[in-house]
Protein backbone atom coordinates (compact mmCIF):
# COMPACT_ATOMS: atom_id res chain seq x y z
CA MET A 1 41.44 0.57 6.60
CA VAL A 2 39.92 2.14 10.04
CA ASN A 3 35.88 2.39 9.99
CA SER A 4 35.79 1.12 6.23
CA ILE A 5 33.35 -1.03 4.73
CA LEU A 6 32.08 -2.53 1.46
CA LEU A 7 28.33 -3.12 1.12
CA GLN A 8 27.62 -5.30 -2.01
CA ASN A 9 24.69 -6.07 -4.35
CA GLY A 10 22.14 -4.45 -1.99
CA ARG A 11 19.14 -2.49 -2.91
CA VAL A 12 20.45 1.24 -2.23
CA ILE A 13 17.47 3.68 -0.76
CA ASP A 14 18.08 7.50 -0.39
CA PRO A 15 15.11 9.00 -0.16
CA SER A 16 17.17 12.28 0.18
CA SER A 17 18.88 11.96 -3.41
CA GLY A 18 16.18 9.80 -4.82
CA VAL A 19 18.16 6.63 -5.34
CA ASP A 20 16.38 3.41 -5.42
CA ALA A 21 18.75 0.81 -7.25
CA THR A 22 20.72 -2.51 -6.97
CA ALA A 23 23.97 -1.11 -6.19
CA ASP A 24 27.62 -1.12 -4.04
CA VAL A 25 27.98 1.28 -1.30
CA LEU A 26 31.30 2.26 -0.04
CA ILE A 27 32.31 3.65 3.41
CA LEU A 28 35.94 4.86 3.80
CA ASP A 29 37.16 5.95 6.74
CA GLY A 30 33.95 6.73 8.18
CA LYS A 31 32.39 8.57 5.36
CA VAL A 32 30.39 7.66 2.46
CA SER A 33 32.74 7.70 -0.38
CA ALA A 34 31.14 6.03 -3.03
CA ILE A 35 28.29 4.37 -4.61
CA GLY A 36 27.59 2.28 -7.50
CA ALA A 37 30.16 0.97 -10.23
CA GLU A 38 33.06 3.36 -8.54
CA ALA A 39 32.72 1.74 -4.90
CA ARG A 40 34.19 -1.81 -5.90
CA ALA A 41 37.03 0.03 -7.87
CA LYS A 42 38.20 2.40 -4.73
CA ALA A 43 37.49 -0.35 -2.07
CA GLY A 44 41.09 -1.93 -2.54
CA ALA A 45 42.08 -5.09 -0.95
CA VAL A 46 41.80 -3.85 2.82
CA VAL A 47 38.36 -2.78 3.11
CA THR A 48 35.92 -5.31 4.64
CA ARG A 49 33.63 -6.49 2.03
CA ARG A 50 29.67 -7.65 3.17
CA ASP A 51 27.52 -9.21 0.49
CA VAL A 52 24.04 -7.96 1.42
CA SER A 53 21.79 -9.36 -1.87
CA GLY A 54 18.33 -9.27 -0.96
CA CYS A 55 18.74 -6.53 1.76
CA VAL A 56 17.84 -2.54 1.32
CA VAL A 57 20.74 -0.66 2.02
CA CYS A 58 19.58 2.98 3.10
CA PRO A 59 21.21 5.97 5.32
CA GLY A 60 21.04 5.20 9.17
CA LEU A 61 17.69 5.48 10.77
CA ILE A 62 16.79 8.13 13.07
CA ASP A 63 14.63 7.49 16.13
CA SER A 64 13.48 10.65 16.97
CA HIS A 65 11.40 9.94 20.29
CA VAL A 66 13.17 8.14 22.75
CA HIS A 67 13.62 7.90 26.60
CA LEU A 68 17.13 6.89 27.85
CA ARG A 69 16.19 7.52 31.53
CA GLU A 70 19.51 8.75 32.31
CA PRO A 71 20.14 10.63 34.63
CA GLY A 72 18.68 9.50 37.55
CA GLN A 73 16.09 6.59 36.33
CA SER A 74 18.76 4.04 35.23
CA ALA A 75 17.35 1.22 37.00
CA LYS A 76 14.70 1.29 34.03
CA GLU A 77 17.40 1.99 31.38
CA THR A 78 20.76 3.58 30.59
CA ILE A 79 22.30 5.40 27.92
CA ALA A 80 24.75 2.06 27.16
CA MET A 81 21.95 -0.19 26.82
CA GLY A 82 19.57 2.03 25.23
CA THR A 83 21.84 2.55 22.62
CA ARG A 84 22.59 -1.31 22.16
CA ALA A 85 18.72 -1.64 21.70
CA ALA A 86 18.60 0.88 18.95
CA ALA A 87 21.79 -0.43 17.39
CA ARG A 88 19.83 -3.73 17.46
CA GLY A 89 16.52 -1.85 15.91
CA GLY A 90 18.56 -0.49 13.07
CA PHE A 91 18.85 3.02 14.65
CA SER A 92 22.15 4.91 13.82
CA SER A 93 20.93 8.19 15.96
CA ILE A 94 18.33 8.59 18.48
CA LEU A 95 16.80 11.76 20.13
CA CYS A 96 16.49 11.53 23.81
CA MET A 97 13.72 12.91 25.96
CA PRO A 98 13.96 15.32 28.55
CA ASN A 99 11.82 13.75 31.47
CA THR A 100 15.00 12.44 33.33
CA SER A 101 15.63 13.35 37.07
CA PRO A 102 16.53 15.73 36.85
CA SER A 103 15.16 17.09 33.78
CA ILE A 104 16.83 18.24 31.01
CA ASP A 105 16.56 22.05 31.80
CA ASN A 106 19.75 23.38 32.06
CA ALA A 107 23.17 22.95 30.35
CA GLY A 108 25.00 20.96 33.10
CA THR A 109 22.74 18.15 32.42
CA VAL A 110 23.06 18.71 28.66
CA ALA A 111 27.04 18.44 29.22
CA LEU A 112 26.40 15.11 31.24
CA ILE A 113 24.58 13.09 28.64
CA HIS A 114 26.57 14.18 25.87
CA GLU A 115 29.77 13.21 27.60
CA LYS A 116 28.12 9.96 28.69
CA ALA A 117 26.73 9.06 25.23
CA ALA A 118 30.46 9.68 24.15
CA ARG A 119 31.89 7.56 26.53
CA GLU A 120 29.25 4.64 26.64
CA GLY A 121 26.84 4.82 23.51
CA LEU A 122 27.00 3.03 20.42
CA VAL A 123 25.24 5.76 18.14
CA ASN A 124 24.41 8.89 17.87
CA VAL A 125 22.40 10.42 20.92
CA TYR A 126 21.01 13.86 20.43
CA VAL A 127 19.19 15.63 23.12
CA THR A 128 16.48 17.66 23.58
CA GLY A 129 16.04 20.61 26.12
CA ALA A 130 12.82 20.83 28.41
CA ILE A 131 10.33 23.73 27.62
CA THR A 132 9.70 24.69 31.26
CA LYS A 133 11.93 24.44 34.50
CA GLY A 134 11.28 20.65 35.90
CA ILE A 135 8.87 20.02 33.28
CA ALA A 136 6.66 21.59 35.53
CA GLY A 137 4.84 23.70 32.78
CA GLU A 138 5.05 26.73 35.03
CA GLU A 139 7.96 28.61 33.76
CA LEU A 140 10.07 28.76 30.84
CA ALA A 141 13.34 27.08 30.71
CA GLN A 142 16.50 28.87 29.78
CA ILE A 143 16.29 28.03 25.93
CA GLY A 144 19.30 30.25 25.04
CA SER A 145 21.01 28.29 27.32
CA LEU A 146 20.19 24.99 26.26
CA LYS A 147 20.65 25.67 22.54
CA LYS A 148 24.23 26.94 23.36
CA ALA A 149 24.57 23.46 25.36
CA GLY A 150 23.62 21.49 22.13
CA VAL A 151 19.95 20.74 22.36
CA ILE A 152 18.51 20.57 19.10
CA ALA A 153 14.92 20.72 19.99
CA ILE A 154 12.81 21.52 22.95
CA THR A 155 10.04 19.48 24.64
CA ASP A 156 8.21 18.81 27.84
CA ASP A 157 7.44 14.97 26.49
CA GLY A 158 5.67 12.82 29.07
CA HIS A 159 3.89 16.33 29.91
CA CYS A 160 1.84 19.19 28.27
CA VAL A 161 2.29 22.51 28.77
CA GLN A 162 -1.26 23.40 29.56
CA ASN A 163 -0.89 27.45 29.86
CA ASN A 164 -1.73 28.78 26.14
CA GLU A 165 0.13 31.89 26.94
CA LEU A 166 3.50 29.96 28.17
CA MET A 167 3.29 27.97 25.09
CA ARG A 168 3.13 31.11 22.99
CA ARG A 169 6.17 32.37 24.54
CA ALA A 170 8.07 29.31 24.06
CA LEU A 171 7.67 29.06 20.36
CA GLU A 172 8.52 32.61 20.37
CA TYR A 173 11.69 31.74 22.02
CA ALA A 174 11.93 28.77 19.72
CA ARG A 175 11.87 30.27 16.65
CA MET A 176 14.44 32.86 17.67
CA PHE A 177 16.93 29.90 18.49
CA ASP A 178 15.82 28.37 15.56
CA LEU A 179 14.55 24.78 17.52
CA PRO A 180 11.64 23.03 16.94
CA ILE A 181 9.45 22.36 19.66
CA LEU A 182 7.91 19.03 20.17
CA ASP A 183 4.59 18.52 22.05
CA HIS A 184 2.96 15.64 23.93
CA CYS A 185 -0.49 16.96 23.29
CA GLN A 186 -2.52 16.06 26.20
CA ASP A 187 -5.38 18.21 28.09
CA TYR A 188 -5.14 17.51 31.35
CA ALA A 189 -8.56 18.68 32.25
CA LEU A 190 -10.16 16.26 29.54
CA VAL A 191 -8.17 13.36 30.42
CA SER A 192 -8.11 13.85 33.95
CA ASP A 193 -7.79 9.91 35.17
CA GLY A 194 -8.05 8.27 32.24
CA VAL A 195 -6.08 4.98 31.56
CA MET A 196 -7.48 3.74 28.18
CA HIS A 197 -9.18 5.17 25.35
CA GLU A 198 -12.66 6.07 26.00
CA GLY A 199 -15.37 4.03 24.21
CA TYR A 200 -16.58 0.66 23.90
CA TRP A 201 -14.15 -1.25 25.32
CA SER A 202 -13.51 1.28 28.64
CA ALA A 203 -17.20 1.02 29.44
CA LEU A 204 -17.31 -2.89 29.04
CA LEU A 205 -14.22 -3.49 31.40
CA GLY A 206 -14.63 -0.70 33.57
CA LEU A 207 -11.61 1.47 33.11
CA ARG A 208 -11.57 5.26 33.12
CA GLY A 209 -11.65 6.88 29.70
CA TRP A 210 -8.78 8.76 28.08
CA PRO A 211 -10.97 10.64 25.14
CA ALA A 212 -9.54 11.47 21.87
CA ALA A 213 -10.65 14.89 22.48
CA GLY A 214 -7.99 15.13 25.19
CA GLU A 215 -5.11 14.89 22.19
CA GLU A 216 -6.95 16.60 19.68
CA THR A 217 -7.67 20.01 21.83
CA ILE A 218 -4.16 20.54 22.26
CA VAL A 219 -3.51 19.75 18.39
CA ALA A 220 -5.60 22.43 17.43
CA ARG A 221 -4.26 24.36 19.95
CA ASN A 222 -0.72 23.74 18.73
CA ILE A 223 -2.04 24.80 14.49
CA LEU A 224 -3.28 27.71 16.08
CA LEU A 225 0.04 28.83 17.95
CA ALA A 226 2.22 27.75 15.00
CA GLU A 227 0.12 29.73 12.56
CA LEU A 228 0.15 32.64 15.10
CA THR A 229 4.37 32.86 15.48
CA GLY A 230 5.49 31.24 12.66
CA ALA A 231 7.31 28.51 14.86
CA GLN A 232 7.99 24.76 13.81
CA VAL A 233 5.84 22.55 15.99
CA HIS A 234 5.87 18.73 15.86
CA CYS A 235 2.84 16.78 17.34
CA GLN A 236 4.52 13.45 18.85
CA HIS A 237 2.77 10.26 18.75
CA LEU A 238 -0.41 11.10 17.32
CA SER A 239 -3.00 8.57 17.94
CA SER A 240 -6.46 9.67 17.00
CA ALA A 241 -8.40 10.34 13.47
CA GLY A 242 -9.19 13.69 14.61
CA SER A 243 -5.83 14.74 15.14
CA VAL A 244 -4.79 13.60 11.76
CA ARG A 245 -7.76 15.35 10.22
CA MET A 246 -6.50 18.81 11.54
CA LEU A 247 -3.25 18.10 10.68
CA ARG A 248 -4.10 17.39 7.34
CA GLU A 249 -6.12 20.76 6.70
CA ALA A 250 -3.56 22.93 8.65
CA LYS A 251 -0.57 21.55 6.35
CA GLY A 252 -2.52 22.03 3.05
CA ARG A 253 -2.87 26.14 4.48
CA GLY A 254 0.91 25.90 4.88
CA VAL A 255 0.88 26.05 8.90
CA SER A 256 4.69 25.02 9.99
CA ILE A 257 3.37 21.80 11.64
CA SER A 258 4.06 18.05 11.87
CA GLY A 259 2.94 14.84 13.30
CA GLU A 260 4.41 11.10 14.35
CA ALA A 261 3.00 8.28 14.35
CA CYS A 262 4.28 5.10 16.53
CA PRO A 263 3.96 1.47 15.34
CA HIS A 264 1.47 0.68 18.28
CA HIS A 265 -0.84 3.28 17.38
CA PHE A 266 -1.20 1.81 13.65
CA THR A 267 -1.00 -1.91 14.77
CA LEU A 268 -3.10 -2.27 17.76
CA THR A 269 -6.31 -1.13 19.17
CA ASP A 270 -8.07 -0.69 22.62
CA ALA A 271 -9.53 -4.39 22.12
CA THR A 272 -6.27 -5.49 23.05
CA ILE A 273 -7.03 -4.40 26.97
CA ALA A 274 -9.91 -6.90 26.57
CA GLY A 275 -7.34 -9.91 26.03
CA SER A 276 -6.03 -11.86 22.94
CA ALA A 277 -9.03 -13.42 22.06
CA GLU A 278 -10.86 -10.66 21.82
CA PHE A 279 -8.54 -8.40 19.61
CA TRP A 280 -7.80 -11.24 17.31
CA ALA A 281 -11.78 -11.84 16.85
CA LYS A 282 -12.33 -7.83 16.54
CA ASP A 283 -9.34 -6.04 15.08
CA GLY A 284 -6.52 -8.78 14.35
CA ASP A 285 -7.52 -9.26 10.64
CA VAL A 286 -4.82 -6.84 9.42
CA LEU A 287 -1.96 -8.65 10.93
CA ARG A 288 -2.84 -12.60 10.44
CA GLN A 289 -1.47 -12.53 6.69
CA HIS A 290 1.78 -11.32 7.77
CA PHE A 291 2.83 -14.15 10.52
CA VAL A 292 4.80 -17.21 9.96
CA GLU A 293 2.77 -19.94 8.41
CA GLY A 294 1.43 -22.19 11.05
CA GLN A 295 2.85 -20.18 13.57
CA PRO A 296 -0.07 -19.73 16.25
CA LEU A 297 -1.52 -16.06 17.08
CA PRO A 298 0.23 -14.66 20.42
CA PHE A 299 -1.74 -14.82 23.31
CA TRP A 300 -2.12 -12.19 25.93
CA PRO A 301 -4.23 -11.99 29.20
CA PRO A 302 -7.16 -9.23 29.73
CA PHE A 303 -5.88 -6.21 31.58
CA ASP A 304 -2.06 -6.65 30.59
CA THR A 305 -0.44 -3.51 31.48
CA ASN A 306 2.11 -3.74 28.83
CA PHE A 307 -0.48 -2.72 26.52
CA LYS A 308 -0.88 0.74 28.56
CA MET A 309 0.78 3.81 27.01
CA ASN A 310 0.01 7.19 26.56
CA PRO A 311 -1.73 8.07 24.24
CA PRO A 312 -3.68 5.21 24.69
CA LEU A 313 -4.47 2.53 21.96
CA ARG A 314 -7.59 3.48 20.29
CA ALA A 315 -10.48 2.18 17.98
CA HIS A 316 -10.02 0.72 14.72
CA ALA A 317 -10.89 3.89 12.57
CA ASP A 318 -8.23 5.50 14.66
CA ARG A 319 -5.75 3.10 13.65
CA GLU A 320 -7.05 3.32 10.00
CA ALA A 321 -6.66 6.83 10.18
CA ILE A 322 -3.20 6.99 11.10
CA ILE A 323 -2.09 4.67 8.73
CA ALA A 324 -4.01 6.95 5.90
CA GLY A 325 -1.72 9.72 7.25
CA LEU A 326 1.42 8.03 6.83
CA ALA A 327 0.32 6.94 3.32
CA ASP A 328 -0.68 10.93 2.29
CA GLY A 329 2.41 12.16 4.01
CA THR A 330 0.28 14.01 6.71
CA LEU A 331 2.37 12.47 9.31
CA GLU A 332 5.95 12.43 8.10
CA ILE A 333 8.02 10.82 10.92
CA LEU A 334 7.78 7.46 12.47
CA GLY A 335 9.06 7.25 15.99
CA SER A 336 9.10 4.28 18.77
CA ASP A 337 8.22 6.38 22.02
CA HIS A 338 10.77 4.10 23.96
CA ALA A 339 9.67 4.17 27.36
CA PRO A 340 11.11 1.57 29.72
CA HIS A 341 9.88 0.47 33.18
CA CYS A 342 10.86 -1.89 35.37
CA ASP A 343 9.13 -5.21 35.64
CA PHE A 344 7.84 -4.63 39.28
CA GLN A 345 6.20 -1.17 38.14
CA LYS A 346 4.32 -2.89 35.58
CA ALA A 347 3.21 -5.81 37.55
CA VAL A 348 0.41 -3.69 39.18
CA GLU A 349 -3.17 -3.21 38.76
CA PHE A 350 -3.79 -1.78 35.19
CA ASP A 351 -5.20 1.61 37.02
CA TYR A 352 -1.77 2.16 38.92
CA ALA A 353 0.69 0.91 36.19
CA PRO A 354 2.71 3.59 34.49
CA PHE A 355 2.20 4.71 31.18
CA GLY A 356 4.54 3.19 28.58
CA ILE A 357 6.50 0.54 26.38
CA THR A 358 9.56 -0.05 25.15
CA GLY A 359 10.03 -0.38 21.07
CA LEU A 360 13.33 0.41 20.14
CA GLU A 361 14.09 -3.19 18.69
CA ASN A 362 10.86 -4.14 16.96
CA GLU A 363 9.29 -1.05 15.24
CA LEU A 364 11.15 -1.29 12.06
CA ALA A 365 9.66 -4.87 11.71
CA LEU A 366 6.18 -3.69 12.57
CA CYS A 367 6.39 -0.80 10.44
CA LEU A 368 7.26 -3.15 7.33
CA MET A 369 4.63 -5.50 8.53
CA GLN A 370 1.70 -2.77 9.09
CA LEU A 371 2.85 -0.57 6.02
CA TYR A 372 4.83 -2.34 3.47
CA HIS A 373 3.69 -5.94 3.70
CA SER A 374 0.05 -4.50 3.68
CA GLY A 375 0.92 -2.50 0.59
CA ARG A 376 0.12 0.75 2.18
CA LEU A 377 3.26 2.54 1.92
CA THR A 378 6.45 1.55 -0.45
CA LEU A 379 9.83 0.74 1.26
CA PRO A 380 11.07 4.30 0.05
CA GLN A 381 8.67 5.96 1.78
CA ILE A 382 9.12 4.50 4.92
CA VAL A 383 12.85 4.78 4.89
CA GLU A 384 11.97 8.39 4.29
CA LYS A 385 10.24 8.47 7.61
CA PHE A 386 13.15 6.97 9.49
CA THR A 387 15.49 9.64 7.41
CA THR A 388 14.79 12.75 5.76
CA GLY A 389 11.81 12.90 7.65
CA PRO A 390 13.35 13.59 11.29
CA ALA A 391 16.64 14.96 9.87
CA LYS A 392 14.81 17.86 8.17
CA LEU A 393 12.71 18.59 11.21
CA LEU A 394 15.79 18.36 13.80
CA ARG A 395 18.06 20.14 11.42
CA LEU A 396 20.58 17.24 11.46
CA ASP A 397 23.03 16.55 8.87
CA LYS A 398 22.09 12.95 8.67
CA GLY A 399 19.74 10.61 7.07
CA THR A 400 21.45 11.06 3.51
CA LEU A 401 24.17 8.67 1.58
CA ARG A 402 25.63 11.72 -0.57
CA LEU A 403 29.08 11.46 -0.96
CA GLY A 404 31.29 12.69 1.93
CA ALA A 405 28.22 12.06 4.46
CA ASP A 406 28.97 10.36 7.75
CA GLY A 407 28.86 6.81 7.22
CA ASP A 408 25.66 5.86 9.11
CA VAL A 409 24.15 3.19 7.37
CA THR A 410 21.05 0.54 7.90
CA VAL A 411 21.01 -2.71 6.23
CA PHE A 412 17.62 -4.66 6.74
CA ASN A 413 16.08 -7.84 5.12
CA PRO A 414 12.23 -6.82 4.40
CA GLU A 415 11.37 -10.36 4.35
CA THR A 416 13.14 -12.09 6.77
CA ARG A 417 10.72 -13.66 9.65
CA TRP A 418 11.70 -14.07 13.05
CA ILE A 419 10.18 -14.15 16.50
CA PHE A 420 10.73 -11.35 19.11
CA LYS A 421 11.91 -13.02 22.15
CA ARG A 422 12.36 -11.67 25.62
CA GLU A 423 15.76 -13.13 26.24
CA ASP A 424 17.12 -11.26 23.15
CA THR A 425 16.58 -7.93 24.22
CA CYS A 426 19.33 -5.65 24.77
CA SER A 427 17.06 -2.73 26.53
CA LYS A 428 17.39 -2.93 30.60
CA SER A 429 13.74 -3.08 30.47
CA PHE A 430 10.87 -5.66 29.32
CA ASN A 431 7.96 -3.60 29.18
CA ASN A 432 6.92 -4.73 25.33
CA PRO A 433 3.60 -6.09 24.18
CA PHE A 434 5.36 -8.13 21.22
CA TYR A 435 7.47 -10.52 23.08
CA GLY A 436 6.71 -13.78 21.35
CA TRP A 437 5.09 -12.13 17.75
CA PRO A 438 6.22 -13.32 14.53
CA MET A 439 8.05 -10.49 12.95
CA ARG A 440 8.39 -10.05 9.27
CA GLY A 441 11.52 -7.53 8.53
CA LYS A 442 14.53 -7.43 10.31
CA THR A 443 17.42 -5.52 11.05
CA MET A 444 21.05 -6.81 9.58
CA LEU A 445 23.58 -4.57 10.13
CA THR A 446 23.61 -0.78 11.75
CA ILE A 447 26.83 1.17 10.90
CA VAL A 448 27.60 4.11 12.50
CA ALA A 449 30.87 6.26 10.84
CA GLY A 450 31.72 3.16 9.43
CA ARG A 451 31.94 1.05 12.53
CA THR A 452 29.35 -1.93 12.98
CA VAL A 453 27.46 -1.69 15.79
CA PHE A 454 25.44 -4.40 15.16
CA ASP A 455 25.69 -7.47 13.29
CA ALA A 456 22.93 -10.28 13.24
CA GLU A 457 25.14 -12.72 11.87
CA LEU A 458 26.74 -12.39 15.47
CA SER A 459 23.76 -11.66 18.01
């Protein structure tokens, strides 16, 4: 049967329906057909069968923060290679950001991406539209036309609208068209030309500081505007303790605001910029216990530009606050902020290197290491932040294994130990700080509409 598979003996976790039990899952003709005892009875003789004992079977993971770089920046990434990386990482659906060239601020560019993704993509590709024309922060994009063209959210990610009046109007339009606004929280005046977290290590290394207040000021602005307009605002890649604290308080008052965390922000700290020796001495304690026994700790030199991202890696207290925010539900979504760059762009002085790292292929493992194996979150909680969390925010009919739903499924083994190697990368770019790191937790199968798009046994 076309696009049909029976997954046997896995631990089925589906937060959308409260399922957490050892069971079989049957996908017939691209749809979820049965879960449990009925699955084997309905499977018949022609369905592909796969024993996934010891693995978690869950709805296909969704990454709500991905830069695919097309159109215009295909030297960094392409839809074809970016979706391969997503499949390898366990993601059946991804949301691409609009800071392409040209930016996604018109219906024609949206159509181009949809057509290219349908032709070349391995996973479901959803599109965001820009808040402002050219992501310049000066004039609103045609939000109604973008909605009609098929965008599911609007954002100027990579940039931040500085004009508060303009942002208010954007929120009002977004509410009219039932679109969430995703915001990269950065006050340009406060951040200025900062390149790393402002604190002890920036002073010691002589690098210009990017203060946490530069994020927190915009988070506070977004809370006020969300409360004023009633629109849904989602704060992307939060990195500071102050941001988590404000979000927690606002959500407690019922404000329509949400937040996202990236693995690098709850795995690393600003000490990494000083080199591996300093990081392992100061902030590496929470990682050691998860490494393969006898495996040497990863090494990197000071000023490694693969640790430069926006917002930057922050202090130990910020890292702990992000984890606490994930544990108590303040931060509802996990995302990679997959941001590919060419090698030559990163092979410059730290001040001049672009911000951003890739992340699709290793984010699930980092989340399992830092959140599950550390005892901070349960597996259902992690799965929820990759499935029902983003599906709810983006109004997607995904992230579920209910009967009749699309047969998008991720199978991962939370205990598998492996080394993340550069030569295994599916992405077109290699600006990732985690090469050579021992990982714990690995994607085994990624299935999209019943079709296997990644199989660890064949890779």
